Amino acid sequence: EVRANTFASCYLMPPEFISQIPDPRDWNTEKAINWANELRVSTEALAYALSAAKLISDSTESLIKSVRVPSTVKSDPELPESLSPASRQRREDWLKR
């Protein structure tokens, strides 16, 4: 898990990118959930990336790590909203198998 979060923070969220997030030094739980979901990473990986870029304090890092993206909010890249209902159902069935 630590290696996965390190990979995600280094390669999926380079410092040049995360510094362009609006108000990159100002975080709350809602913003952390939103951006983690948008970037398709865990809040823990997001916190590592922000901390490594020296954009947040230790207390803000702990705050971001303490929340999780609810499963009801997560978007599945293999089941995009753009699929027709029939295509979505076929793909869901295939993924379940």
PDB file of N, CA and C in Angstrom:
ATOM      1  N   GLU A   1       0.829  -1.198   0.000  1.00  0.00           N
ATOM      2  CA  GLU A   1       0.000   0.000   0.000  1.00  0.00           C
ATOM      3  C   GLU A   1       0.871   1.258   0.000  1.00  0.00           C
ATOM      4  N   VAL A   2       1.926   1.242   0.785  1.00  0.00           N
ATOM      5  CA  VAL A   2       2.815   2.411   0.839  1.00  0.00           C
ATOM      6  C   VAL A   2       3.459   2.632  -0.522  1.00  0.00           C
ATOM      7  N   ARG A   3       3.914   1.551  -1.169  1.00  0.00           N
ATOM      8  CA  ARG A   3       4.537   1.683  -2.486  1.00  0.00           C
ATOM      9  C   ARG A   3       3.534   2.193  -3.517  1.00  0.00           C
ATOM     10  N   ALA A   4       2.313   1.708  -3.451  1.00  0.00           N
ATOM     11  CA  ALA A   4       1.278   2.150  -4.387  1.00  0.00           C
ATOM     12  C   ALA A   4       0.983   3.637  -4.197  1.00  0.00           C
ATOM     13  N   ASN A   5       0.889   4.072  -2.953  1.00  0.00           N
ATOM     14  CA  ASN A   5       0.638   5.496  -2.693  1.00  0.00           C
ATOM     15  C   ASN A   5       1.814   6.359  -3.135  1.00  0.00           C
ATOM     16  N   THR A   6       3.021   5.866  -2.940  1.00  0.00           N
ATOM     17  CA  THR A   6       4.207   6.607  -3.374  1.00  0.00           C
ATOM     18  C   THR A   6       4.222   6.719  -4.892  1.00  0.00           C
ATOM     19  N   PHE A   7       3.933   5.602  -5.581  1.00  0.00           N
ATOM     20  CA  PHE A   7       3.870   5.625  -7.048  1.00  0.00           C
ATOM     21  C   PHE A   7       2.828   6.638  -7.504  1.00  0.00           C
ATOM     22  N   ALA A   8       1.632   6.546  -6.934  1.00  0.00           N
ATOM     23  CA  ALA A   8       0.550   7.443  -7.332  1.00  0.00           C
ATOM     24  C   ALA A   8       0.931   8.899  -7.096  1.00  0.00           C
ATOM     25  N   SER A   9       1.526   9.171  -5.948  1.00  0.00           N
ATOM     26  CA  SER A   9       1.853  10.560  -5.638  1.00  0.00           C
ATOM     27  C   SER A   9       2.965  11.099  -6.539  1.00  0.00           C
ATOM     28  N   CYS A  10       3.903  10.247  -6.944  1.00  0.00           N
ATOM     29  CA  CYS A  10       5.024  10.718  -7.775  1.00  0.00           C
ATOM     30  C   CYS A  10       4.681  10.797  -9.259  1.00  0.00           C
ATOM     31  N   TYR A  11       3.955   9.814  -9.756  1.00  0.00           N
ATOM     32  CA  TYR A  11       3.750   9.716 -11.192  1.00  0.00           C
ATOM     33  C   TYR A  11       2.388  10.178 -11.668  1.00  0.00           C
ATOM     34  N   LEU A  12       1.360   9.974 -10.876  1.00  0.00           N
ATOM     35  CA  LEU A  12       0.029  10.379 -11.304  1.00  0.00           C
ATOM     36  C   LEU A  12      -0.279  11.819 -10.921  1.00  0.00           C
ATOM     37  N   MET A  13       0.453  12.341  -9.941  1.00  0.00           N
ATOM     38  CA  MET A  13       0.214  13.708  -9.469  1.00  0.00           C
ATOM     39  C   MET A  13       1.535  14.447  -9.306  1.00  0.00           C
ATOM     40  N   PRO A  14       2.220  14.759 -10.396  1.00  0.00           N
ATOM     41  CA  PRO A  14       3.501  15.462 -10.263  1.00  0.00           C
ATOM     42  C   PRO A  14       3.298  16.840  -9.628  1.00  0.00           C
ATOM     43  N   PRO A  15       4.315  17.319  -8.920  1.00  0.00           N
ATOM     44  CA  PRO A  15       4.198  18.611  -8.225  1.00  0.00           C
ATOM     45  C   PRO A  15       3.747  19.752  -9.135  1.00  0.00           C
ATOM     46  N   GLU A  16       4.194  19.753 -10.393  1.00  0.00           N
ATOM     47  CA  GLU A  16       3.794  20.817 -11.316  1.00  0.00           C
ATOM     48  C   GLU A  16       2.284  20.817 -11.528  1.00  0.00           C
ATOM     49  N   PHE A  17       1.693  19.627 -11.531  1.00  0.00           N
ATOM     50  CA  PHE A  17       0.252  19.519 -11.725  1.00  0.00           C
ATOM     51  C   PHE A  17      -0.516  19.916 -10.470  1.00  0.00           C
ATOM     52  N   ILE A  18      -0.157  19.333  -9.338  1.00  0.00           N
ATOM     53  CA  ILE A  18      -0.953  19.602  -8.132  1.00  0.00           C
ATOM     54  C   ILE A  18      -0.818  21.036  -7.643  1.00  0.00           C
ATOM     55  N   SER A  19       0.260  21.701  -8.015  1.00  0.00           N
ATOM     56  CA  SER A  19       0.382  23.110  -7.619  1.00  0.00           C
ATOM     57  C   SER A  19      -0.597  23.981  -8.407  1.00  0.00           C
ATOM     58  N   GLN A  20      -1.185  23.436  -9.475  1.00  0.00           N
ATOM     59  CA  GLN A  20      -2.160  24.181 -10.277  1.00  0.00           C
ATOM     60  C   GLN A  20      -3.595  23.971  -9.793  1.00  0.00           C
ATOM     61  N   ILE A  21      -3.793  23.093  -8.801  1.00  0.00           N
ATOM     62  CA  ILE A  21      -5.112  22.931  -8.200  1.00  0.00           C
ATOM     63  C   ILE A  21      -5.471  24.261  -7.552  1.00  0.00           C
ATOM     64  N   PRO A  22      -6.698  24.744  -7.732  1.00  0.00           N
ATOM     65  CA  PRO A  22      -7.063  26.011  -7.094  1.00  0.00           C
ATOM     66  C   PRO A  22      -6.811  25.976  -5.584  1.00  0.00           C
ATOM     67  N   ASP A  23      -6.188  26.999  -5.079  1.00  0.00           N
ATOM     68  CA  ASP A  23      -5.832  27.112  -3.651  1.00  0.00           C
ATOM     69  C   ASP A  23      -5.151  25.838  -3.148  1.00  0.00           C
ATOM     70  N   PRO A  24      -3.986  25.472  -3.708  1.00  0.00           N
ATOM     71  CA  PRO A  24      -3.351  24.203  -3.355  1.00  0.00           C
ATOM     72  C   PRO A  24      -2.893  24.098  -1.902  1.00  0.00           C
ATOM     73  N   ARG A  25      -2.907  25.185  -1.170  1.00  0.00           N
ATOM     74  CA  ARG A  25      -2.503  25.152   0.240  1.00  0.00           C
ATOM     75  C   ARG A  25      -3.695  25.138   1.193  1.00  0.00           C
ATOM     76  N   ASP A  26      -4.893  25.313   0.650  1.00  0.00           N
ATOM     77  CA  ASP A  26      -6.112  25.391   1.459  1.00  0.00           C
ATOM     78  C   ASP A  26      -6.970  24.144   1.213  1.00  0.00           C
ATOM     79  N   TRP A  27      -7.062  23.264   2.219  1.00  0.00           N
ATOM     80  CA  TRP A  27      -7.766  21.986   2.069  1.00  0.00           C
ATOM     81  C   TRP A  27      -8.761  21.761   3.190  1.00  0.00           C
ATOM     82  N   ASN A  28      -9.866  21.105   2.836  1.00  0.00           N
ATOM     83  CA  ASN A  28     -10.827  20.588   3.806  1.00  0.00           C
ATOM     84  C   ASN A  28     -11.220  19.196   3.328  1.00  0.00           C
ATOM     85  N   THR A  29     -12.037  18.504   4.091  1.00  0.00           N
ATOM     86  CA  THR A  29     -12.356  17.113   3.738  1.00  0.00           C
ATOM     87  C   THR A  29     -13.109  17.024   2.417  1.00  0.00           C
ATOM     88  N   GLU A  30     -14.016  17.952   2.170  1.00  0.00           N
ATOM     89  CA  GLU A  30     -14.792  17.918   0.924  1.00  0.00           C
ATOM     90  C   GLU A  30     -13.887  18.092  -0.296  1.00  0.00           C
ATOM     91  N   LYS A  31     -12.959  19.033  -0.210  1.00  0.00           N
ATOM     92  CA  LYS A  31     -12.031  19.270  -1.321  1.00  0.00           C
ATOM     93  C   LYS A  31     -11.128  18.057  -1.524  1.00  0.00           C
ATOM     94  N   ALA A  32     -10.684  17.438  -0.455  1.00  0.00           N
ATOM     95  CA  ALA A  32      -9.826  16.253  -0.566  1.00  0.00           C
ATOM     96  C   ALA A  32     -10.567  15.108  -1.254  1.00  0.00           C
ATOM     97  N   ILE A  33     -11.805  14.871  -0.867  1.00  0.00           N
ATOM     98  CA  ILE A  33     -12.600  13.806  -1.486  1.00  0.00           C
ATOM     99  C   ILE A  33     -12.827  14.113  -2.960  1.00  0.00           C
ATOM    100  N   ASN A  34     -13.169  15.358  -3.259  1.00  0.00           N
ATOM    101  CA  ASN A  34     -13.427  15.754  -4.638  1.00  0.00           C
ATOM    102  C   ASN A  34     -12.202  15.539  -5.528  1.00  0.00           C
ATOM    103  N   TRP A  35     -11.046  16.020  -5.082  1.00  0.00           N
ATOM    104  CA  TRP A  35      -9.845  15.903  -5.913  1.00  0.00           C
ATOM    105  C   TRP A  35      -9.320  14.471  -5.985  1.00  0.00           C
ATOM    106  N   ALA A  36      -9.404  13.733  -4.904  1.00  0.00           N
ATOM    107  CA  ALA A  36      -8.981  12.324  -4.956  1.00  0.00           C
ATOM    108  C   ALA A  36      -9.850  11.568  -5.953  1.00  0.00           C
ATOM    109  N   ASN A  37     -11.141  11.823  -5.931  1.00  0.00           N
ATOM    110  CA  ASN A  37     -12.046  11.161  -6.868  1.00  0.00           C
ATOM    111  C   ASN A  37     -11.758  11.610  -8.300  1.00  0.00           C
ATOM    112  N   GLU A  38     -11.545  12.892  -8.492  1.00  0.00           N
ATOM    113  CA  GLU A  38     -11.257  13.433  -9.819  1.00  0.00           C
ATOM    114  C   GLU A  38      -9.981  12.828 -10.402  1.00  0.00           C
ATOM    115  N   LEU A  39      -8.970  12.673  -9.550  1.00  0.00           N
ATOM    116  CA  LEU A  39      -7.678  12.129  -9.995  1.00  0.00           C
ATOM    117  C   LEU A  39      -7.630  10.602  -9.962  1.00  0.00           C
ATOM    118  N   ARG A  40      -8.690   9.989  -9.404  1.00  0.00           N
ATOM    119  CA  ARG A  40      -8.800   8.527  -9.296  1.00  0.00           C
ATOM    120  C   ARG A  40      -7.667   7.933  -8.452  1.00  0.00           C
ATOM    121  N   VAL A  41      -7.400   8.610  -7.325  1.00  0.00           N
ATOM    122  CA  VAL A  41      -6.385   8.143  -6.375  1.00  0.00           C
ATOM    123  C   VAL A  41      -7.000   8.136  -4.982  1.00  0.00           C
ATOM    124  N   SER A  42      -6.331   7.517  -4.046  1.00  0.00           N
ATOM    125  CA  SER A  42      -6.804   7.540  -2.661  1.00  0.00           C
ATOM    126  C   SER A  42      -6.487   8.902  -2.037  1.00  0.00           C
ATOM    127  N   THR A  43      -7.190   9.225  -0.977  1.00  0.00           N
ATOM    128  CA  THR A  43      -6.890  10.471  -0.266  1.00  0.00           C
ATOM    129  C   THR A  43      -5.495  10.406   0.348  1.00  0.00           C
ATOM    130  N   GLU A  44      -5.080   9.203   0.693  1.00  0.00           N
ATOM    131  CA  GLU A  44      -3.735   9.040   1.260  1.00  0.00           C
ATOM    132  C   GLU A  44      -2.668   9.385   0.218  1.00  0.00           C
ATOM    133  N   ALA A  45      -2.842   8.899  -1.015  1.00  0.00           N
ATOM    134  CA  ALA A  45      -1.890   9.217  -2.081  1.00  0.00           C
ATOM    135  C   ALA A  45      -1.902  10.714  -2.379  1.00  0.00           C
ATOM    136  N   LEU A  46      -3.080  11.312  -2.364  1.00  0.00           N
ATOM    137  CA  LEU A  46      -3.188  12.755  -2.577  1.00  0.00           C
ATOM    138  C   LEU A  46      -2.435  13.516  -1.494  1.00  0.00           C
ATOM    139  N   ALA A  47      -2.602  13.092  -0.250  1.00  0.00           N
ATOM    140  CA  ALA A  47      -1.909  13.742   0.867  1.00  0.00           C
ATOM    141  C   ALA A  47      -0.392  13.619   0.717  1.00  0.00           C
ATOM    142  N   TYR A  48       0.094  12.435   0.311  1.00  0.00           N
ATOM    143  CA  TYR A  48       1.533  12.263   0.104  1.00  0.00           C
ATOM    144  C   TYR A  48       2.043  13.215  -0.969  1.00  0.00           C
ATOM    145  N   ALA A  49       1.302  13.335  -2.069  1.00  0.00           N
ATOM    146  CA  ALA A  49       1.741  14.192  -3.165  1.00  0.00           C
ATOM    147  C   ALA A  49       1.784  15.659  -2.733  1.00  0.00           C
ATOM    148  N   LEU A  50       0.752  16.100  -2.039  1.00  0.00           N
ATOM    149  CA  LEU A  50       0.712  17.485  -1.577  1.00  0.00           C
ATOM    150  C   LEU A  50       1.819  17.769  -0.567  1.00  0.00           C
ATOM    151  N   SER A  51       2.080  16.807   0.306  1.00  0.00           N
ATOM    152  CA  SER A  51       3.132  16.966   1.307  1.00  0.00           C
ATOM    153  C   SER A  51       4.510  16.987   0.650  1.00  0.00           C
ATOM    154  N   ALA A  52       4.723  16.091  -0.310  1.00  0.00           N
ATOM    155  CA  ALA A  52       6.018  16.039  -0.999  1.00  0.00           C
ATOM    156  C   ALA A  52       6.288  17.331  -1.766  1.00  0.00           C
ATOM    157  N   ALA A  53       5.218  17.951  -2.257  1.00  0.00           N
ATOM    158  CA  ALA A  53       5.364  19.220  -2.974  1.00  0.00           C
ATOM    159  C   ALA A  53       5.448  20.404  -2.013  1.00  0.00           C
ATOM    160  N   LYS A  54       5.399  20.114  -0.720  1.00  0.00           N
ATOM    161  CA  LYS A  54       5.472  21.131   0.334  1.00  0.00           C
ATOM    162  C   LYS A  54       4.347  22.171   0.213  1.00  0.00           C
ATOM    163  N   LEU A  55       3.161  21.660  -0.116  1.00  0.00           N
ATOM    164  CA  LEU A  55       2.001  22.532  -0.251  1.00  0.00           C
ATOM    165  C   LEU A  55       1.102  22.513   0.978  1.00  0.00           C
ATOM    166  N   ILE A  56       1.295  21.518   1.857  1.00  0.00           N
ATOM    167  CA  ILE A  56       0.442  21.400   3.039  1.00  0.00           C
ATOM    168  C   ILE A  56       1.276  21.123   4.280  1.00  0.00           C
ATOM    169  N   SER A  57       0.681  21.415   5.411  1.00  0.00           N
ATOM    170  CA  SER A  57       1.342  21.149   6.698  1.00  0.00           C
ATOM    171  C   SER A  57       1.095  19.701   7.111  1.00  0.00           C
ATOM    172  N   ASP A  58       1.779  19.270   8.155  1.00  0.00           N
ATOM    173  CA  ASP A  58       1.588  17.915   8.677  1.00  0.00           C
ATOM    174  C   ASP A  58       0.154  17.703   9.155  1.00  0.00           C
ATOM    175  N   SER A  59      -0.436  18.724   9.755  1.00  0.00           N
ATOM    176  CA  SER A  59      -1.808  18.579  10.253  1.00  0.00           C
ATOM    177  C   SER A  59      -2.805  18.470   9.101  1.00  0.00           C
ATOM    178  N   THR A  60      -2.570  19.198   8.020  1.00  0.00           N
ATOM    179  CA  THR A  60      -3.447  19.098   6.857  1.00  0.00           C
ATOM    180  C   THR A  60      -3.268  17.747   6.177  1.00  0.00           C
ATOM    181  N   GLU A  61      -2.043  17.244   6.152  1.00  0.00           N
ATOM    182  CA  GLU A  61      -1.790  15.911   5.596  1.00  0.00           C
ATOM    183  C   GLU A  61      -2.592  14.874   6.380  1.00  0.00           C
ATOM    184  N   SER A  62      -2.583  14.967   7.693  1.00  0.00           N
ATOM    185  CA  SER A  62      -3.346  14.036   8.529  1.00  0.00           C
ATOM    186  C   SER A  62      -4.844  14.158   8.275  1.00  0.00           C
ATOM    187  N   LEU A  63      -5.316  15.378   8.105  1.00  0.00           N
ATOM    188  CA  LEU A  63      -6.733  15.600   7.819  1.00  0.00           C
ATOM    189  C   LEU A  63      -7.141  14.931   6.508  1.00  0.00           C
ATOM    190  N   ILE A  64      -6.358  15.129   5.470  1.00  0.00           N
ATOM    191  CA  ILE A  64      -6.679  14.553   4.155  1.00  0.00           C
ATOM    192  C   ILE A  64      -6.632  13.034   4.222  1.00  0.00           C
ATOM    193  N   LYS A  65      -5.624  12.482   4.906  1.00  0.00           N
ATOM    194  CA  LYS A  65      -5.511  11.022   5.026  1.00  0.00           C
ATOM    195  C   LYS A  65      -6.665  10.420   5.828  1.00  0.00           C
ATOM    196  N   SER A  66      -7.285  11.216   6.679  1.00  0.00           N
ATOM    197  CA  SER A  66      -8.326  10.682   7.566  1.00  0.00           C
ATOM    198  C   SER A  66      -9.660  10.454   6.867  1.00  0.00           C
ATOM    199  N   VAL A  67      -9.835  10.999   5.678  1.00  0.00           N
ATOM    200  CA  VAL A  67     -11.109  10.825   4.972  1.00  0.00           C
ATOM    201  C   VAL A  67     -10.960   9.824   3.835  1.00  0.00           C
ATOM    202  N   ARG A  68     -12.066   9.266   3.418  1.00  0.00           N
ATOM    203  CA  ARG A  68     -12.090   8.314   2.305  1.00  0.00           C
ATOM    204  C   ARG A  68     -13.141   8.762   1.302  1.00  0.00           C
ATOM    205  N   VAL A  69     -12.905   8.451   0.041  1.00  0.00           N
ATOM    206  CA  VAL A  69     -13.898   8.736  -0.992  1.00  0.00           C
ATOM    207  C   VAL A  69     -15.003   7.699  -0.841  1.00  0.00           C
ATOM    208  N   PRO A  70     -16.240   8.134  -0.561  1.00  0.00           N
ATOM    209  CA  PRO A  70     -17.331   7.170  -0.405  1.00  0.00           C
ATOM    210  C   PRO A  70     -17.554   6.388  -1.701  1.00  0.00           C
ATOM    211  N   SER A  71     -17.872   5.117  -1.578  1.00  0.00           N
ATOM    212  CA  SER A  71     -18.066   4.286  -2.770  1.00  0.00           C
ATOM    213  C   SER A  71     -19.205   4.805  -3.634  1.00  0.00           C
ATOM    214  N   THR A  72     -20.170   5.478  -3.036  1.00  0.00           N
ATOM    215  CA  THR A  72     -21.287   6.015  -3.814  1.00  0.00           C
ATOM    216  C   THR A  72     -20.872   7.190  -4.689  1.00  0.00           C
ATOM    217  N   VAL A  73     -19.737   7.804  -4.385  1.00  0.00           N
ATOM    218  CA  VAL A  73     -19.257   8.961  -5.138  1.00  0.00           C
ATOM    219  C   VAL A  73     -18.237   8.547  -6.192  1.00  0.00           C
ATOM    220  N   LYS A  74     -17.577   7.424  -5.976  1.00  0.00           N
ATOM    221  CA  LYS A  74     -16.519   7.003  -6.889  1.00  0.00           C
ATOM    222  C   LYS A  74     -17.069   6.773  -8.289  1.00  0.00           C
ATOM    223  N   SER A  75     -16.271   7.171  -9.269  1.00  0.00           N
ATOM    224  CA  SER A  75     -16.629   6.910 -10.655  1.00  0.00           C
ATOM    225  C   SER A  75     -15.717   5.807 -11.179  1.00  0.00           C
ATOM    226  N   ASP A  76     -16.306   4.878 -11.882  1.00  0.00           N
ATOM    227  CA  ASP A  76     -15.559   3.741 -12.404  1.00  0.00           C
ATOM    228  C   ASP A  76     -15.158   4.035 -13.848  1.00  0.00           C
ATOM    229  N   PRO A  77     -13.861   4.141 -14.132  1.00  0.00           N
ATOM    230  CA  PRO A  77     -13.433   4.457 -15.502  1.00  0.00           C
ATOM    231  C   PRO A  77     -13.809   3.369 -16.505  1.00  0.00           C
ATOM    232  N   GLU A  78     -14.089   2.167 -16.024  1.00  0.00           N
ATOM    233  CA  GLU A  78     -14.492   1.098 -16.935  1.00  0.00           C
ATOM    234  C   GLU A  78     -15.988   1.115 -17.213  1.00  0.00           C
ATOM    235  N   LEU A  79     -16.722   1.954 -16.472  1.00  0.00           N
ATOM    236  CA  LEU A  79     -18.166   2.086 -16.677  1.00  0.00           C
ATOM    237  C   LEU A  79     -18.526   3.573 -16.798  1.00  0.00           C
ATOM    238  N   PRO A  80     -18.082   4.213 -17.881  1.00  0.00           N
ATOM    239  CA  PRO A  80     -18.342   5.649 -18.007  1.00  0.00           C
ATOM    240  C   PRO A  80     -19.832   5.950 -18.160  1.00  0.00           C
ATOM    241  N   GLU A  81     -20.205   7.130 -17.740  1.00  0.00           N
ATOM    242  CA  GLU A  81     -21.601   7.572 -17.829  1.00  0.00           C
ATOM    243  C   GLU A  81     -22.064   7.665 -19.279  1.00  0.00           C
ATOM    244  N   SER A  82     -21.129   7.770 -20.206  1.00  0.00           N
ATOM    245  CA  SER A  82     -21.474   7.929 -21.616  1.00  0.00           C
ATOM    246  C   SER A  82     -22.025   6.656 -22.253  1.00  0.00           C
ATOM    247  N   LEU A  83     -21.889   5.515 -21.589  1.00  0.00           N
ATOM    248  CA  LEU A  83     -22.413   4.260 -22.137  1.00  0.00           C
ATOM    249  C   LEU A  83     -23.935   4.256 -22.123  1.00  0.00           C
ATOM    250  N   SER A  84     -24.498   3.612 -23.149  1.00  0.00           N
ATOM    251  CA  SER A  84     -25.952   3.444 -23.158  1.00  0.00           C
ATOM    252  C   SER A  84     -26.321   2.468 -22.033  1.00  0.00           C
ATOM    253  N   PRO A  85     -27.557   2.489 -21.566  1.00  0.00           N
ATOM    254  CA  PRO A  85     -27.938   1.566 -20.489  1.00  0.00           C
ATOM    255  C   PRO A  85     -27.657   0.099 -20.819  1.00  0.00           C
ATOM    256  N   ALA A  86     -27.930  -0.321 -22.061  1.00  0.00           N
ATOM    257  CA  ALA A  86     -27.691  -1.715 -22.449  1.00  0.00           C
ATOM    258  C   ALA A  86     -26.196  -2.038 -22.448  1.00  0.00           C
ATOM    259  N   SER A  87     -25.402  -1.133 -22.980  1.00  0.00           N
ATOM    260  CA  SER A  87     -23.947  -1.350 -22.997  1.00  0.00           C
ATOM    261  C   SER A  87     -23.385  -1.376 -21.587  1.00  0.00           C
ATOM    262  N   ARG A  88     -23.891  -0.487 -20.754  1.00  0.00           N
ATOM    263  CA  ARG A  88     -23.438  -0.448 -19.359  1.00  0.00           C
ATOM    264  C   ARG A  88     -23.754  -1.756 -18.650  1.00  0.00           C
ATOM    265  N   GLN A  89     -24.960  -2.280 -18.854  1.00  0.00           N
ATOM    266  CA  GLN A  89     -25.358  -3.535 -18.219  1.00  0.00           C
ATOM    267  C   GLN A  89     -24.488  -4.690 -18.700  1.00  0.00           C
ATOM    268  N   ARG A  90     -24.227  -4.754 -20.002  1.00  0.00           N
ATOM    269  CA  ARG A  90     -23.362  -5.819 -20.537  1.00  0.00           C
ATOM    270  C   ARG A  90     -21.964  -5.733 -19.924  1.00  0.00           C
ATOM    271  N   ARG A  91     -21.436  -4.522 -19.849  1.00  0.00           N
ATOM    272  CA  ARG A  91     -20.095  -4.356 -19.298  1.00  0.00           C
ATOM    273  C   ARG A  91     -20.071  -4.693 -17.802  1.00  0.00           C
ATOM    274  N   GLU A  92     -21.084  -4.294 -17.061  1.00  0.00           N
ATOM    275  CA  GLU A  92     -21.166  -4.636 -15.641  1.00  0.00           C
ATOM    276  C   GLU A  92     -21.185  -6.149 -15.461  1.00  0.00           C
ATOM    277  N   ASP A  93     -21.990  -6.838 -16.276  1.00  0.00           N
ATOM    278  CA  ASP A  93     -22.061  -8.309 -16.203  1.00  0.00           C
ATOM    279  C   ASP A  93     -20.712  -8.934 -16.530  1.00  0.00           C
ATOM    280  N   TRP A  94     -20.046  -8.426 -17.536  1.00  0.00           N
ATOM    281  CA  TRP A  94     -18.735  -8.947 -17.916  1.00  0.00           C
ATOM    282  C   TRP A  94     -17.726  -8.729 -16.796  1.00  0.00           C
ATOM    283  N   LEU A  95     -17.736  -7.556 -16.176  1.00  0.00           N
ATOM    284  CA  LEU A  95     -16.797  -7.269 -15.089  1.00  0.00           C
ATOM    285  C   LEU A  95     -17.065  -8.142 -13.860  1.00  0.00           C
ATOM    286  N   LYS A  96     -18.325  -8.440 -13.604  1.00  0.00           N
ATOM    287  CA  LYS A  96     -18.665  -9.309 -12.465  1.00  0.00           C
ATOM    288  C   LYS A  96     -18.128 -10.720 -12.668  1.00  0.00           C
ATOM    289  N   ARG A  97     -18.151 -11.182 -13.922  1.00  0.00           N
ATOM    290  CA  ARG A  97     -17.632 -12.522 -14.215  1.00  0.00           C
ATOM    291  C   ARG A  97     -16.130 -12.529 -14.093  1.00  0.00           C
TER     292      ARG A  97
END
